[in-house]
Amino acid sequence: MLDRNIVTDDAGCVVGCDHLETSQHLFLSCDFYDSLWQEVQSWLGVSGPDPHSISKHLYQFTHLAGGLRARRSFLQTVWLLCAWTIWNNRNNRMLTNVENSITHLLDKVKHYSL
């Protein structure tokens, strides 16, 4: 996976799910990180289908609750925090072998969203 701390093109998913690590897989298709999205939706009390395109996922997520601009803005912030948390967790797993539970990652998203 790593050669002199450089990720190769054929790197597998950092959580060990035997898939090629692409942004599509990491943020939307990886079972581990998908469970974070599900927990975030549960915490917010919203649900909906999850598209398999990052831009469509962001759009869908920010419009789950409908209407109010402030609500959509908050959901967009939560989406970005969730993506940022996934990326940081991925880097920690890869570079320092630090693994966190979904509950821990959800707590980070909640903390930063406040």
PDB file of N, CA and C in Angstrom:
ATOM      1  N   MET A   1       0.819  -1.190   0.000  1.00  0.00           N
ATOM      2  CA  MET A   1       0.000   0.000   0.000  1.00  0.00           C
ATOM      3  C   MET A   1       0.864   1.256   0.000  1.00  0.00           C
ATOM      4  N   LEU A   2       1.806   1.333   0.910  1.00  0.00           N
ATOM      5  CA  LEU A   2       2.652   2.512   0.989  1.00  0.00           C
ATOM      6  C   LEU A   2       4.082   2.158   0.623  1.00  0.00           C
ATOM      7  N   ASP A   3       4.677   3.028  -0.124  1.00  0.00           N
ATOM      8  CA  ASP A   3       6.078   2.904  -0.435  1.00  0.00           C
ATOM      9  C   ASP A   3       6.669   4.272  -0.183  1.00  0.00           C
ATOM     10  N   ARG A   4       7.441   4.388   0.882  1.00  0.00           N
ATOM     11  CA  ARG A   4       7.992   5.682   1.287  1.00  0.00           C
ATOM     12  C   ARG A   4       6.911   6.720   1.531  1.00  0.00           C
ATOM     13  N   ASN A   5       5.827   6.285   2.148  1.00  0.00           N
ATOM     14  CA  ASN A   5       4.693   7.143   2.491  1.00  0.00           C
ATOM     15  C   ASN A   5       3.990   7.750   1.287  1.00  0.00           C
ATOM     16  N   ILE A   6       4.073   7.076   0.147  1.00  0.00           N
ATOM     17  CA  ILE A   6       3.360   7.508  -1.052  1.00  0.00           C
ATOM     18  C   ILE A   6       2.333   6.432  -1.371  1.00  0.00           C
ATOM     19  N   VAL A   7       1.092   6.835  -1.565  1.00  0.00           N
ATOM     20  CA  VAL A   7       0.043   5.882  -1.891  1.00  0.00           C
ATOM     21  C   VAL A   7       0.150   5.531  -3.364  1.00  0.00           C
ATOM     22  N   THR A   8       0.143   4.256  -3.659  1.00  0.00           N
ATOM     23  CA  THR A   8       0.214   3.813  -5.046  1.00  0.00           C
ATOM     24  C   THR A   8      -1.174   3.796  -5.672  1.00  0.00           C
ATOM     25  N   ASP A   9      -1.221   3.708  -7.004  1.00  0.00           N
ATOM     26  CA  ASP A   9      -2.497   3.710  -7.721  1.00  0.00           C
ATOM     27  C   ASP A   9      -3.348   2.489  -7.427  1.00  0.00           C
ATOM     28  N   ASP A  10      -2.731   1.404  -6.998  1.00  0.00           N
ATOM     29  CA  ASP A  10      -3.469   0.178  -6.757  1.00  0.00           C
ATOM     30  C   ASP A  10      -3.695  -0.092  -5.275  1.00  0.00           C
ATOM     31  N   ALA A  11      -3.726   0.979  -4.481  1.00  0.00           N
ATOM     32  CA  ALA A  11      -3.894   0.831  -3.037  1.00  0.00           C
ATOM     33  C   ALA A  11      -5.300   0.340  -2.713  1.00  0.00           C
ATOM     34  N   GLY A  12      -5.364  -0.626  -1.809  1.00  0.00           N
ATOM     35  CA  GLY A  12      -6.658  -1.120  -1.347  1.00  0.00           C
ATOM     36  C   GLY A  12      -7.233  -0.206  -0.296  1.00  0.00           C
ATOM     37  N   CYS A  13      -8.503  -0.373  -0.032  1.00  0.00           N
ATOM     38  CA  CYS A  13      -9.191   0.439   0.968  1.00  0.00           C
ATOM     39  C   CYS A  13      -8.512   0.272   2.328  1.00  0.00           C
ATOM     40  N   VAL A  14      -8.339   1.355   3.006  1.00  0.00           N
ATOM     41  CA  VAL A  14      -7.595   1.385   4.260  1.00  0.00           C
ATOM     42  C   VAL A  14      -8.281   0.593   5.380  1.00  0.00           C
ATOM     43  N   VAL A  15      -9.581   0.354   5.281  1.00  0.00           N
ATOM     44  CA  VAL A  15     -10.262  -0.407   6.330  1.00  0.00           C
ATOM     45  C   VAL A  15     -10.190  -1.905   6.072  1.00  0.00           C
ATOM     46  N   GLY A  16      -9.558  -2.290   4.959  1.00  0.00           N
ATOM     47  CA  GLY A  16      -9.339  -3.704   4.688  1.00  0.00           C
ATOM     48  C   GLY A  16     -10.511  -4.425   4.061  1.00  0.00           C
ATOM     49  N   CYS A  17     -11.338  -3.717   3.321  1.00  0.00           N
ATOM     50  CA  CYS A  17     -12.515  -4.359   2.728  1.00  0.00           C
ATOM     51  C   CYS A  17     -12.245  -4.918   1.331  1.00  0.00           C
ATOM     52  N   ASP A  18     -10.987  -4.981   0.932  1.00  0.00           N
ATOM     53  CA  ASP A  18     -10.568  -5.596  -0.330  1.00  0.00           C
ATOM     54  C   ASP A  18     -11.113  -4.907  -1.576  1.00  0.00           C
ATOM     55  N   HIS A  19     -11.381  -3.626  -1.508  1.00  0.00           N
ATOM     56  CA  HIS A  19     -11.782  -2.850  -2.676  1.00  0.00           C
ATOM     57  C   HIS A  19     -10.682  -1.847  -2.989  1.00  0.00           C
ATOM     58  N   LEU A  20     -10.568  -1.473  -4.229  1.00  0.00           N
ATOM     59  CA  LEU A  20      -9.644  -0.433  -4.631  1.00  0.00           C
ATOM     60  C   LEU A  20     -10.103   0.873  -3.983  1.00  0.00           C
ATOM     61  N   GLU A  21      -9.179   1.600  -3.388  1.00  0.00           N
ATOM     62  CA  GLU A  21      -9.564   2.840  -2.723  1.00  0.00           C
ATOM     63  C   GLU A  21      -9.659   3.962  -3.739  1.00  0.00           C
ATOM     64  N   THR A  22     -10.877   4.322  -4.030  1.00  0.00           N
ATOM     65  CA  THR A  22     -11.169   5.499  -4.844  1.00  0.00           C
ATOM     66  C   THR A  22     -11.980   6.442  -3.972  1.00  0.00           C
ATOM     67  N   SER A  23     -12.112   7.685  -4.405  1.00  0.00           N
ATOM     68  CA  SER A  23     -12.926   8.613  -3.612  1.00  0.00           C
ATOM     69  C   SER A  23     -14.366   8.115  -3.555  1.00  0.00           C
ATOM     70  N   GLN A  24     -14.855   7.588  -4.663  1.00  0.00           N
ATOM     71  CA  GLN A  24     -16.205   7.030  -4.716  1.00  0.00           C
ATOM     72  C   GLN A  24     -16.372   5.936  -3.666  1.00  0.00           C
ATOM     73  N   HIS A  25     -15.418   5.016  -3.630  1.00  0.00           N
ATOM     74  CA  HIS A  25     -15.516   3.912  -2.670  1.00  0.00           C
ATOM     75  C   HIS A  25     -15.375   4.424  -1.240  1.00  0.00           C
ATOM     76  N   LEU A  26     -14.340   5.211  -0.987  1.00  0.00           N
ATOM     77  CA  LEU A  26     -14.053   5.664   0.372  1.00  0.00           C
ATOM     78  C   LEU A  26     -15.223   6.423   0.981  1.00  0.00           C
ATOM     79  N   PHE A  27     -15.773   7.371   0.258  1.00  0.00           N
ATOM     80  CA  PHE A  27     -16.800   8.239   0.824  1.00  0.00           C
ATOM     81  C   PHE A  27     -18.221   7.685   0.729  1.00  0.00           C
ATOM     82  N   LEU A  28     -18.475   6.770  -0.210  1.00  0.00           N
ATOM     83  CA  LEU A  28     -19.861   6.350  -0.405  1.00  0.00           C
ATOM     84  C   LEU A  28     -20.102   4.848  -0.388  1.00  0.00           C
ATOM     85  N   SER A  29     -19.130   4.054  -0.795  1.00  0.00           N
ATOM     86  CA  SER A  29     -19.383   2.624  -0.966  1.00  0.00           C
ATOM     87  C   SER A  29     -18.773   1.732   0.105  1.00  0.00           C
ATOM     88  N   CYS A  30     -17.784   2.220   0.811  1.00  0.00           N
ATOM     89  CA  CYS A  30     -17.136   1.417   1.852  1.00  0.00           C
ATOM     90  C   CYS A  30     -18.143   1.156   2.974  1.00  0.00           C
ATOM     91  N   ASP A  31     -18.337  -0.106   3.308  1.00  0.00           N
ATOM     92  CA  ASP A  31     -19.321  -0.460   4.339  1.00  0.00           C
ATOM     93  C   ASP A  31     -19.041   0.239   5.667  1.00  0.00           C
ATOM     94  N   PHE A  32     -17.761   0.366   6.027  1.00  0.00           N
ATOM     95  CA  PHE A  32     -17.415   0.994   7.296  1.00  0.00           C
ATOM     96  C   PHE A  32     -17.864   2.456   7.319  1.00  0.00           C
ATOM     97  N   TYR A  33     -17.456   3.218   6.309  1.00  0.00           N
ATOM     98  CA  TYR A  33     -17.790   4.639   6.294  1.00  0.00           C
ATOM     99  C   TYR A  33     -19.249   4.893   5.925  1.00  0.00           C
ATOM    100  N   ASP A  34     -19.861   3.980   5.185  1.00  0.00           N
ATOM    101  CA  ASP A  34     -21.292   4.112   4.909  1.00  0.00           C
ATOM    102  C   ASP A  34     -22.087   4.064   6.209  1.00  0.00           C
ATOM    103  N   SER A  35     -21.625   3.260   7.153  1.00  0.00           N
ATOM    104  CA  SER A  35     -22.344   3.197   8.433  1.00  0.00           C
ATOM    105  C   SER A  35     -22.257   4.528   9.174  1.00  0.00           C
ATOM    106  N   LEU A  36     -21.210   5.306   8.944  1.00  0.00           N
ATOM    107  CA  LEU A  36     -21.135   6.646   9.539  1.00  0.00           C
ATOM    108  C   LEU A  36     -22.220   7.539   8.946  1.00  0.00           C
ATOM    109  N   TRP A  37     -22.392   7.492   7.620  1.00  0.00           N
ATOM    110  CA  TRP A  37     -23.451   8.285   6.997  1.00  0.00           C
ATOM    111  C   TRP A  37     -24.815   7.885   7.562  1.00  0.00           C
ATOM    112  N   GLN A  38     -25.027   6.600   7.755  1.00  0.00           N
ATOM    113  CA  GLN A  38     -26.307   6.131   8.294  1.00  0.00           C
ATOM    114  C   GLN A  38     -26.522   6.634   9.725  1.00  0.00           C
ATOM    115  N   GLU A  39     -25.468   6.600  10.526  1.00  0.00           N
ATOM    116  CA  GLU A  39     -25.559   7.100  11.910  1.00  0.00           C
ATOM    117  C   GLU A  39     -25.818   8.604  11.941  1.00  0.00           C
ATOM    118  N   VAL A  40     -25.187   9.338  11.040  1.00  0.00           N
ATOM    119  CA  VAL A  40     -25.401  10.784  10.981  1.00  0.00           C
ATOM    120  C   VAL A  40     -26.847  11.075  10.599  1.00  0.00           C
ATOM    121  N   GLN A  41     -27.369  10.352   9.615  1.00  0.00           N
ATOM    122  CA  GLN A  41     -28.764  10.558   9.228  1.00  0.00           C
ATOM    123  C   GLN A  41     -29.710  10.217  10.380  1.00  0.00           C
ATOM    124  N   SER A  42     -29.413   9.165  11.096  1.00  0.00           N
ATOM    125  CA  SER A  42     -30.235   8.786  12.236  1.00  0.00           C
ATOM    126  C   SER A  42     -30.192   9.866  13.320  1.00  0.00           C
ATOM    127  N   TRP A  43     -29.015  10.381  13.591  1.00  0.00           N
ATOM    128  CA  TRP A  43     -28.849  11.451  14.576  1.00  0.00           C
ATOM    129  C   TRP A  43     -29.667  12.687  14.187  1.00  0.00           C
ATOM    130  N   LEU A  44     -29.691  12.999  12.896  1.00  0.00           N
ATOM    131  CA  LEU A  44     -30.410  14.172  12.425  1.00  0.00           C
ATOM    132  C   LEU A  44     -31.909  13.924  12.244  1.00  0.00           C
ATOM    133  N   GLY A  45     -32.294  12.652  12.272  1.00  0.00           N
ATOM    134  CA  GLY A  45     -33.694  12.316  12.091  1.00  0.00           C
ATOM    135  C   GLY A  45     -34.164  12.448  10.653  1.00  0.00           C
ATOM    136  N   VAL A  46     -33.261  12.224   9.714  1.00  0.00           N
ATOM    137  CA  VAL A  46     -33.607  12.288   8.289  1.00  0.00           C
ATOM    138  C   VAL A  46     -33.212  10.975   7.636  1.00  0.00           C
ATOM    139  N   SER A  47     -33.816  10.689   6.506  1.00  0.00           N
ATOM    140  CA  SER A  47     -33.429   9.495   5.761  1.00  0.00           C
ATOM    141  C   SER A  47     -33.732   9.712   4.297  1.00  0.00           C
ATOM    142  N   GLY A  48     -33.114   8.897   3.502  1.00  0.00           N
ATOM    143  CA  GLY A  48     -33.330   8.983   2.069  1.00  0.00           C
ATOM    144  C   GLY A  48     -32.343   8.094   1.353  1.00  0.00           C
ATOM    145  N   PRO A  49     -32.546   7.913   0.075  1.00  0.00           N
ATOM    146  CA  PRO A  49     -31.614   7.088  -0.692  1.00  0.00           C
ATOM    147  C   PRO A  49     -30.269   7.792  -0.810  1.00  0.00           C
ATOM    148  N   ASP A  50     -29.224   7.019  -0.853  1.00  0.00           N
ATOM    149  CA  ASP A  50     -27.889   7.584  -0.991  1.00  0.00           C
ATOM    150  C   ASP A  50     -27.381   7.345  -2.404  1.00  0.00           C
ATOM    151  N   PRO A  51     -27.314   8.408  -3.212  1.00  0.00           N
ATOM    152  CA  PRO A  51     -26.791   8.264  -4.574  1.00  0.00           C
ATOM    153  C   PRO A  51     -25.331   7.828  -4.551  1.00  0.00           C
ATOM    154  N   HIS A  52     -24.877   7.276  -5.636  1.00  0.00           N
ATOM    155  CA  HIS A  52     -23.501   6.796  -5.710  1.00  0.00           C
ATOM    156  C   HIS A  52     -22.593   7.744  -6.494  1.00  0.00           C
ATOM    157  N   SER A  53     -22.887   9.008  -6.403  1.00  0.00           N
ATOM    158  CA  SER A  53     -22.051  10.067  -6.963  1.00  0.00           C
ATOM    159  C   SER A  53     -21.853  11.070  -5.837  1.00  0.00           C
ATOM    160  N   ILE A  54     -20.627  11.496  -5.620  1.00  0.00           N
ATOM    161  CA  ILE A  54     -20.350  12.389  -4.494  1.00  0.00           C
ATOM    162  C   ILE A  54     -21.144  13.687  -4.603  1.00  0.00           C
ATOM    163  N   SER A  55     -21.182  14.293  -5.768  1.00  0.00           N
ATOM    164  CA  SER A  55     -21.914  15.556  -5.902  1.00  0.00           C
ATOM    165  C   SER A  55     -23.418  15.343  -5.702  1.00  0.00           C
ATOM    166  N   LYS A  56     -23.958  14.237  -6.199  1.00  0.00           N
ATOM    167  CA  LYS A  56     -25.386  13.957  -6.001  1.00  0.00           C
ATOM    168  C   LYS A  56     -25.671  13.603  -4.540  1.00  0.00           C
ATOM    169  N   HIS A  57     -24.714  12.948  -3.893  1.00  0.00           N
ATOM    170  CA  HIS A  57     -24.871  12.616  -2.477  1.00  0.00           C
ATOM    171  C   HIS A  57     -24.956  13.896  -1.652  1.00  0.00           C
ATOM    172  N   LEU A  58     -24.074  14.842  -1.914  1.00  0.00           N
ATOM    173  CA  LEU A  58     -24.106  16.128  -1.207  1.00  0.00           C
ATOM    174  C   LEU A  58     -25.443  16.823  -1.438  1.00  0.00           C
ATOM    175  N   TYR A  59     -25.891  16.888  -2.676  1.00  0.00           N
ATOM    176  CA  TYR A  59     -27.157  17.547  -2.987  1.00  0.00           C
ATOM    177  C   TYR A  59     -28.320  16.862  -2.265  1.00  0.00           C
ATOM    178  N   GLN A  60     -28.361  15.541  -2.376  1.00  0.00           N
ATOM    179  CA  GLN A  60     -29.441  14.772  -1.743  1.00  0.00           C
ATOM    180  C   GLN A  60     -29.431  14.980  -0.228  1.00  0.00           C
ATOM    181  N   PHE A  61     -28.246  14.893   0.376  1.00  0.00           N
ATOM    182  CA  PHE A  61     -28.121  15.023   1.825  1.00  0.00           C
ATOM    183  C   PHE A  61     -28.595  16.389   2.297  1.00  0.00           C
ATOM    184  N   THR A  62     -28.206  17.442   1.589  1.00  0.00           N
ATOM    185  CA  THR A  62     -28.556  18.792   2.037  1.00  0.00           C
ATOM    186  C   THR A  62     -30.028  19.108   1.822  1.00  0.00           C
ATOM    187  N   HIS A  63     -30.725  18.317   1.022  1.00  0.00           N
ATOM    188  CA  HIS A  63     -32.144  18.562   0.773  1.00  0.00           C
ATOM    189  C   HIS A  63     -33.044  17.523   1.438  1.00  0.00           C
ATOM    190  N   LEU A  64     -32.498  16.694   2.322  1.00  0.00           N
ATOM    191  CA  LEU A  64     -33.288  15.655   2.976  1.00  0.00           C
ATOM    192  C   LEU A  64     -34.412  16.223   3.826  1.00  0.00           C
ATOM    193  N   ALA A  65     -34.158  17.337   4.459  1.00  0.00           N
ATOM    194  CA  ALA A  65     -35.152  17.901   5.370  1.00  0.00           C
ATOM    195  C   ALA A  65     -36.047  18.921   4.681  1.00  0.00           C
ATOM    196  N   GLY A  66     -35.764  19.184   3.403  1.00  0.00           N
ATOM    197  CA  GLY A  66     -36.601  20.122   2.664  1.00  0.00           C
ATOM    198  C   GLY A  66     -36.327  21.567   3.029  1.00  0.00           C
ATOM    199  N   GLY A  67     -37.194  22.386   2.595  1.00  0.00           N
ATOM    200  CA  GLY A  67     -37.379  23.796   2.755  1.00  0.00           C
ATOM    201  C   GLY A  67     -36.331  24.766   3.212  1.00  0.00           C
ATOM    202  N   LEU A  68     -36.258  25.016   4.464  1.00  0.00           N
ATOM    203  CA  LEU A  68     -35.563  26.185   4.989  1.00  0.00           C
ATOM    204  C   LEU A  68     -34.090  26.243   4.609  1.00  0.00           C
ATOM    205  N   ARG A  69     -33.676  27.437   4.195  1.00  0.00           N
ATOM    206  CA  ARG A  69     -32.292  27.655   3.780  1.00  0.00           C
ATOM    207  C   ARG A  69     -31.319  27.390   4.932  1.00  0.00           C
ATOM    208  N   ALA A  70     -31.675  27.810   6.142  1.00  0.00           N
ATOM    209  CA  ALA A  70     -30.797  27.600   7.302  1.00  0.00           C
ATOM    210  C   ALA A  70     -30.601  26.102   7.559  1.00  0.00           C
ATOM    211  N   ARG A  71     -31.664  25.328   7.407  1.00  0.00           N
ATOM    212  CA  ARG A  71     -31.579  23.873   7.606  1.00  0.00           C
ATOM    213  C   ARG A  71     -30.675  23.247   6.553  1.00  0.00           C
ATOM    214  N   ARG A  72     -30.837  23.669   5.294  1.00  0.00           N
ATOM    215  CA  ARG A  72     -29.986  23.139   4.217  1.00  0.00           C
ATOM    216  C   ARG A  72     -28.522  23.521   4.457  1.00  0.00           C
ATOM    217  N   SER A  73     -28.292  24.728   4.929  1.00  0.00           N
ATOM    218  CA  SER A  73     -26.931  25.174   5.216  1.00  0.00           C
ATOM    219  C   SER A  73     -26.308  24.333   6.327  1.00  0.00           C
ATOM    220  N   PHE A  74     -27.098  24.052   7.369  1.00  0.00           N
ATOM    221  CA  PHE A  74     -26.605  23.203   8.454  1.00  0.00           C
ATOM    222  C   PHE A  74     -26.286  21.799   7.943  1.00  0.00           C
ATOM    223  N   LEU A  75     -27.188  21.235   7.122  1.00  0.00           N
ATOM    224  CA  LEU A  75     -26.951  19.888   6.584  1.00  0.00           C
ATOM    225  C   LEU A  75     -25.730  19.851   5.677  1.00  0.00           C
ATOM    226  N   GLN A  76     -25.506  20.930   4.935  1.00  0.00           N
ATOM    227  CA  GLN A  76     -24.306  20.995   4.103  1.00  0.00           C
ATOM    228  C   GLN A  76     -23.058  21.011   4.985  1.00  0.00           C
ATOM    229  N   THR A  77     -23.109  21.762   6.067  1.00  0.00           N
ATOM    230  CA  THR A  77     -21.990  21.796   7.008  1.00  0.00           C
ATOM    231  C   THR A  77     -21.739  20.415   7.604  1.00  0.00           C
ATOM    232  N   VAL A  78     -22.795  19.733   8.000  1.00  0.00           N
ATOM    233  CA  VAL A  78     -22.655  18.384   8.562  1.00  0.00           C
ATOM    234  C   VAL A  78     -22.075  17.436   7.521  1.00  0.00           C
ATOM    235  N   TRP A  79     -22.530  17.534   6.271  1.00  0.00           N
ATOM    236  CA  TRP A  79     -22.010  16.672   5.207  1.00  0.00           C
ATOM    237  C   TRP A  79     -20.502  16.885   5.043  1.00  0.00           C
ATOM    238  N   LEU A  80     -20.101  18.157   4.987  1.00  0.00           N
ATOM    239  CA  LEU A  80     -18.674  18.465   4.832  1.00  0.00           C
ATOM    240  C   LEU A  80     -17.863  17.973   6.029  1.00  0.00           C
ATOM    241  N   LEU A  81     -18.413  18.121   7.237  1.00  0.00           N
ATOM    242  CA  LEU A  81     -17.733  17.618   8.430  1.00  0.00           C
ATOM    243  C   LEU A  81     -17.612  16.101   8.411  1.00  0.00           C
ATOM    244  N   CYS A  82     -18.633  15.429   7.919  1.00  0.00           N
ATOM    245  CA  CYS A  82     -18.605  13.971   7.828  1.00  0.00           C
ATOM    246  C   CYS A  82     -17.528  13.539   6.828  1.00  0.00           C
ATOM    247  N   ALA A  83     -17.477  14.193   5.666  1.00  0.00           N
ATOM    248  CA  ALA A  83     -16.454  13.875   4.662  1.00  0.00           C
ATOM    249  C   ALA A  83     -15.057  14.160   5.219  1.00  0.00           C
ATOM    250  N   TRP A  84     -14.908  15.264   5.929  1.00  0.00           N
ATOM    251  CA  TRP A  84     -13.616  15.635   6.514  1.00  0.00           C
ATOM    252  C   TRP A  84     -13.200  14.612   7.580  1.00  0.00           C
ATOM    253  N   THR A  85     -14.162  14.164   8.380  1.00  0.00           N
ATOM    254  CA  THR A  85     -13.896  13.161   9.412  1.00  0.00           C
ATOM    255  C   THR A  85     -13.468  11.844   8.781  1.00  0.00           C
ATOM    256  N   ILE A  86     -14.138  11.445   7.705  1.00  0.00           N
ATOM    257  CA  ILE A  86     -13.753  10.223   6.991  1.00  0.00           C
ATOM    258  C   ILE A  86     -12.330  10.346   6.464  1.00  0.00           C
ATOM    259  N   TRP A  87     -12.009  11.474   5.840  1.00  0.00           N
ATOM    260  CA  TRP A  87     -10.682  11.666   5.260  1.00  0.00           C
ATOM    261  C   TRP A  87      -9.603  11.640   6.357  1.00  0.00           C
ATOM    262  N   ASN A  88      -9.847  12.330   7.458  1.00  0.00           N
ATOM    263  CA  ASN A  88      -8.872  12.329   8.553  1.00  0.00           C
ATOM    264  C   ASN A  88      -8.715  10.934   9.159  1.00  0.00           C
ATOM    265  N   ASN A  89      -9.829  10.220   9.309  1.00  0.00           N
ATOM    266  CA  ASN A  89      -9.743   8.867   9.847  1.00  0.00           C
ATOM    267  C   ASN A  89      -8.974   7.956   8.909  1.00  0.00           C
ATOM    268  N   ARG A  90      -9.219   8.100   7.622  1.00  0.00           N
ATOM    269  CA  ARG A  90      -8.491   7.317   6.619  1.00  0.00           C
ATOM    270  C   ARG A  90      -6.987   7.575   6.733  1.00  0.00           C
ATOM    271  N   ASN A  91      -6.611   8.841   6.845  1.00  0.00           N
ATOM    272  CA  ASN A  91      -5.188   9.179   6.966  1.00  0.00           C
ATOM    273  C   ASN A  91      -4.594   8.638   8.260  1.00  0.00           C
ATOM    274  N   ASN A  92      -5.315   8.747   9.368  1.00  0.00           N
ATOM    275  CA  ASN A  92      -4.822   8.212  10.634  1.00  0.00           C
ATOM    276  C   ASN A  92      -4.636   6.707  10.570  1.00  0.00           C
ATOM    277  N   ARG A  93      -5.583   6.020   9.947  1.00  0.00           N
ATOM    278  CA  ARG A  93      -5.465   4.562   9.801  1.00  0.00           C
ATOM    279  C   ARG A  93      -4.238   4.203   8.970  1.00  0.00           C
ATOM    280  N   MET A  94      -4.052   4.927   7.887  1.00  0.00           N
ATOM    281  CA  MET A  94      -2.983   4.605   6.955  1.00  0.00           C
ATOM    282  C   MET A  94      -1.600   4.977   7.496  1.00  0.00           C
ATOM    283  N   LEU A  95      -1.493   6.137   8.107  1.00  0.00           N
ATOM    284  CA  LEU A  95      -0.174   6.646   8.484  1.00  0.00           C
ATOM    285  C   LEU A  95       0.244   6.299   9.906  1.00  0.00           C
ATOM    286  N   THR A  96      -0.724   6.131  10.810  1.00  0.00           N
ATOM    287  CA  THR A  96      -0.356   5.885  12.205  1.00  0.00           C
ATOM    288  C   THR A  96      -1.001   4.627  12.780  1.00  0.00           C
ATOM    289  N   ASN A  97      -1.744   3.898  11.941  1.00  0.00           N
ATOM    290  CA  ASN A  97      -2.438   2.678  12.371  1.00  0.00           C
ATOM    291  C   ASN A  97      -3.422   2.914  13.514  1.00  0.00           C
ATOM    292  N   VAL A  98      -3.969   4.122  13.600  1.00  0.00           N
ATOM    293  CA  VAL A  98      -4.966   4.447  14.618  1.00  0.00           C
ATOM    294  C   VAL A  98      -6.340   4.172  14.026  1.00  0.00           C
ATOM    295  N   GLU A  99      -7.099   3.318  14.698  1.00  0.00           N
ATOM    296  CA  GLU A  99      -8.450   3.000  14.249  1.00  0.00           C
ATOM    297  C   GLU A  99      -9.453   3.535  15.254  1.00  0.00           C
ATOM    298  N   ASN A 100     -10.530   4.110  14.739  1.00  0.00           N
ATOM    299  CA  ASN A 100     -11.598   4.625  15.587  1.00  0.00           C
ATOM    300  C   ASN A 100     -12.904   3.931  15.233  1.00  0.00           C
ATOM    301  N   SER A 101     -13.787   3.832  16.196  1.00  0.00           N
ATOM    302  CA  SER A 101     -15.099   3.242  15.957  1.00  0.00           C
ATOM    303  C   SER A 101     -16.004   4.265  15.265  1.00  0.00           C
ATOM    304  N   ILE A 102     -17.078   3.768  14.699  1.00  0.00           N
ATOM    305  CA  ILE A 102     -18.067   4.656  14.081  1.00  0.00           C
ATOM    306  C   ILE A 102     -18.650   5.588  15.136  1.00  0.00           C
ATOM    307  N   THR A 103     -18.866   5.093  16.340  1.00  0.00           N
ATOM    308  CA  THR A 103     -19.387   5.931  17.424  1.00  0.00           C
ATOM    309  C   THR A 103     -18.448   7.095  17.699  1.00  0.00           C
ATOM    310  N   HIS A 104     -17.148   6.825  17.720  1.00  0.00           N
ATOM    311  CA  HIS A 104     -16.156   7.883  17.937  1.00  0.00           C
ATOM    312  C   HIS A 104     -16.197   8.900  16.790  1.00  0.00           C
ATOM    313  N   LEU A 105     -16.305   8.413  15.553  1.00  0.00           N
ATOM    314  CA  LEU A 105     -16.357   9.319  14.407  1.00  0.00           C
ATOM    315  C   LEU A 105     -17.636  10.150  14.428  1.00  0.00           C
ATOM    316  N   LEU A 106     -18.750   9.532  14.790  1.00  0.00           N
ATOM    317  CA  LEU A 106     -20.016  10.262  14.905  1.00  0.00           C
ATOM    318  C   LEU A 106     -19.900  11.351  15.972  1.00  0.00           C
ATOM    319  N   ASP A 107     -19.277  11.033  17.085  1.00  0.00           N
ATOM    320  CA  ASP A 107     -19.075  12.035  18.138  1.00  0.00           C
ATOM    321  C   ASP A 107     -18.263  13.220  17.623  1.00  0.00           C
ATOM    322  N   LYS A 108     -17.275  12.952  16.769  1.00  0.00           N
ATOM    323  CA  LYS A 108     -16.483  14.045  16.185  1.00  0.00           C
ATOM    324  C   LYS A 108     -17.355  14.918  15.299  1.00  0.00           C
ATOM    325  N   VAL A 109     -18.171  14.297  14.457  1.00  0.00           N
ATOM    326  CA  VAL A 109     -19.060  15.069  13.574  1.00  0.00           C
ATOM    327  C   VAL A 109     -20.006  15.922  14.417  1.00  0.00           C
ATOM    328  N   LYS A 110     -20.581  15.343  15.449  1.00  0.00           N
ATOM    329  CA  LYS A 110     -21.491  16.087  16.325  1.00  0.00           C
ATOM    330  C   LYS A 110     -20.764  17.255  16.995  1.00  0.00           C
ATOM    331  N   HIS A 111     -19.587  16.975  17.538  1.00  0.00           N
ATOM    332  CA  HIS A 111     -18.823  17.997  18.247  1.00  0.00           C
ATOM    333  C   HIS A 111     -18.486  19.177  17.326  1.00  0.00           C
ATOM    334  N   TYR A 112     -17.970  18.881  16.148  1.00  0.00           N
ATOM    335  CA  TYR A 112     -17.570  19.948  15.238  1.00  0.00           C
ATOM    336  C   TYR A 112     -18.760  20.688  14.641  1.00  0.00           C
ATOM    337  N   SER A 113     -19.917  20.045  14.577  1.00  0.00           N
ATOM    338  CA  SER A 113     -21.086  20.708  14.002  1.00  0.00           C
ATOM    339  C   SER A 113     -21.709  21.706  14.968  1.00  0.00           C
ATOM    340  N   LEU A 114     -21.396  21.584  16.251  1.00  0.00           N
ATOM    341  CA  LEU A 114     -21.941  22.520  17.233  1.00  0.00           C
ATOM    342  C   LEU A 114     -21.116  23.771  17.241  1.00  0.00           C
TER     343      LEU A 114
END
